[in-house]
Amino acid sequence: MSEWLSANIGNIIVTALILLAVFFAVRSIVRAKKSGKSCGCGCQNCAMQGKCHEKKEH
């Protein structure tokens, strides 16, 4: 086991860094979506018109 680990430590580190980057990217997208900051265009022609910027009732 230790031979395999020492032979592949570079691949393991690179894979872990890529997975970490993907995790943070997905987390950022989910957080932006939940807070309503995910759209980058006008709402007139959007298929989700009225859904991402729902009016908040006080």
Protein backbone atom coordinates (compact mmCIF):
# COMPACT_ATOMS: atom_id res chain seq x y z
CA MET A 1 0.00 0.00 0.00
CA SER A 2 2.76 2.45 0.88
CA GLU A 3 4.52 1.69 -2.42
CA TRP A 4 1.39 2.53 -4.37
CA LEU A 5 0.84 5.67 -2.31
CA SER A 6 4.38 6.92 -2.78
CA ALA A 7 4.28 6.13 -6.51
CA ASN A 8 1.01 8.05 -7.00
CA ILE A 9 1.29 10.92 -4.50
CA GLY A 10 1.56 13.51 -7.29
CA ASN A 11 -1.61 12.28 -8.96
CA ILE A 12 -3.42 12.15 -5.64
CA ILE A 13 -2.51 15.75 -4.80
CA VAL A 14 -3.47 17.07 -8.24
CA THR A 15 -6.77 15.18 -8.17
CA ALA A 16 -7.54 16.49 -4.67
CA LEU A 17 -6.84 20.08 -5.79
CA ILE A 18 -9.08 19.70 -8.85
CA LEU A 19 -11.89 18.24 -6.74
CA LEU A 20 -11.50 21.08 -4.25
CA ALA A 21 -11.71 23.68 -7.03
CA VAL A 22 -14.83 22.03 -8.47
CA PHE A 23 -16.42 21.92 -5.01
CA PHE A 24 -15.86 25.65 -4.45
CA ALA A 25 -17.10 26.51 -7.96
CA VAL A 26 -20.32 24.54 -7.48
CA ARG A 27 -20.80 26.03 -4.02
CA SER A 28 -20.39 29.53 -5.45
CA ILE A 29 -22.94 28.86 -8.18
CA VAL A 30 -25.46 27.44 -5.71
CA ARG A 31 -25.04 30.40 -3.34
CA ALA A 32 -25.44 32.90 -6.20
CA LYS A 33 -28.55 31.09 -7.40
CA LYS A 34 -30.12 31.11 -3.93
CA SER A 35 -29.43 34.82 -3.43
CA GLY A 36 -30.80 35.80 -6.85
CA LYS A 37 -27.48 37.04 -8.23
CA SER A 38 -27.09 34.42 -10.92
CA CYS A 39 -28.68 36.11 -13.91
CA GLY A 40 -26.61 38.36 -16.12
CA CYS A 41 -29.19 39.69 -18.56
CA GLY A 42 -32.48 41.51 -18.63
CA CYS A 43 -35.65 39.78 -17.50
CA GLN A 44 -37.86 40.62 -20.49
CA ASN A 45 -36.87 37.59 -22.60
CA CYS A 46 -35.89 35.28 -19.76
CA ALA A 47 -37.61 31.91 -19.41
CA MET A 48 -37.49 32.32 -15.62
CA GLN A 49 -39.08 35.77 -15.68
CA GLY A 50 -40.68 36.49 -12.32
CA LYS A 51 -39.05 33.51 -10.61
CA CYS A 52 -35.54 34.65 -9.75
CA HIS A 53 -36.56 38.14 -8.64
CA GLU A 54 -39.81 37.41 -6.89
CA LYS A 55 -41.40 40.35 -5.13
CA LYS A 56 -40.97 40.16 -1.40
CA GLU A 57 -44.07 40.93 0.63
CA HIS A 58 -43.49 42.81 3.86
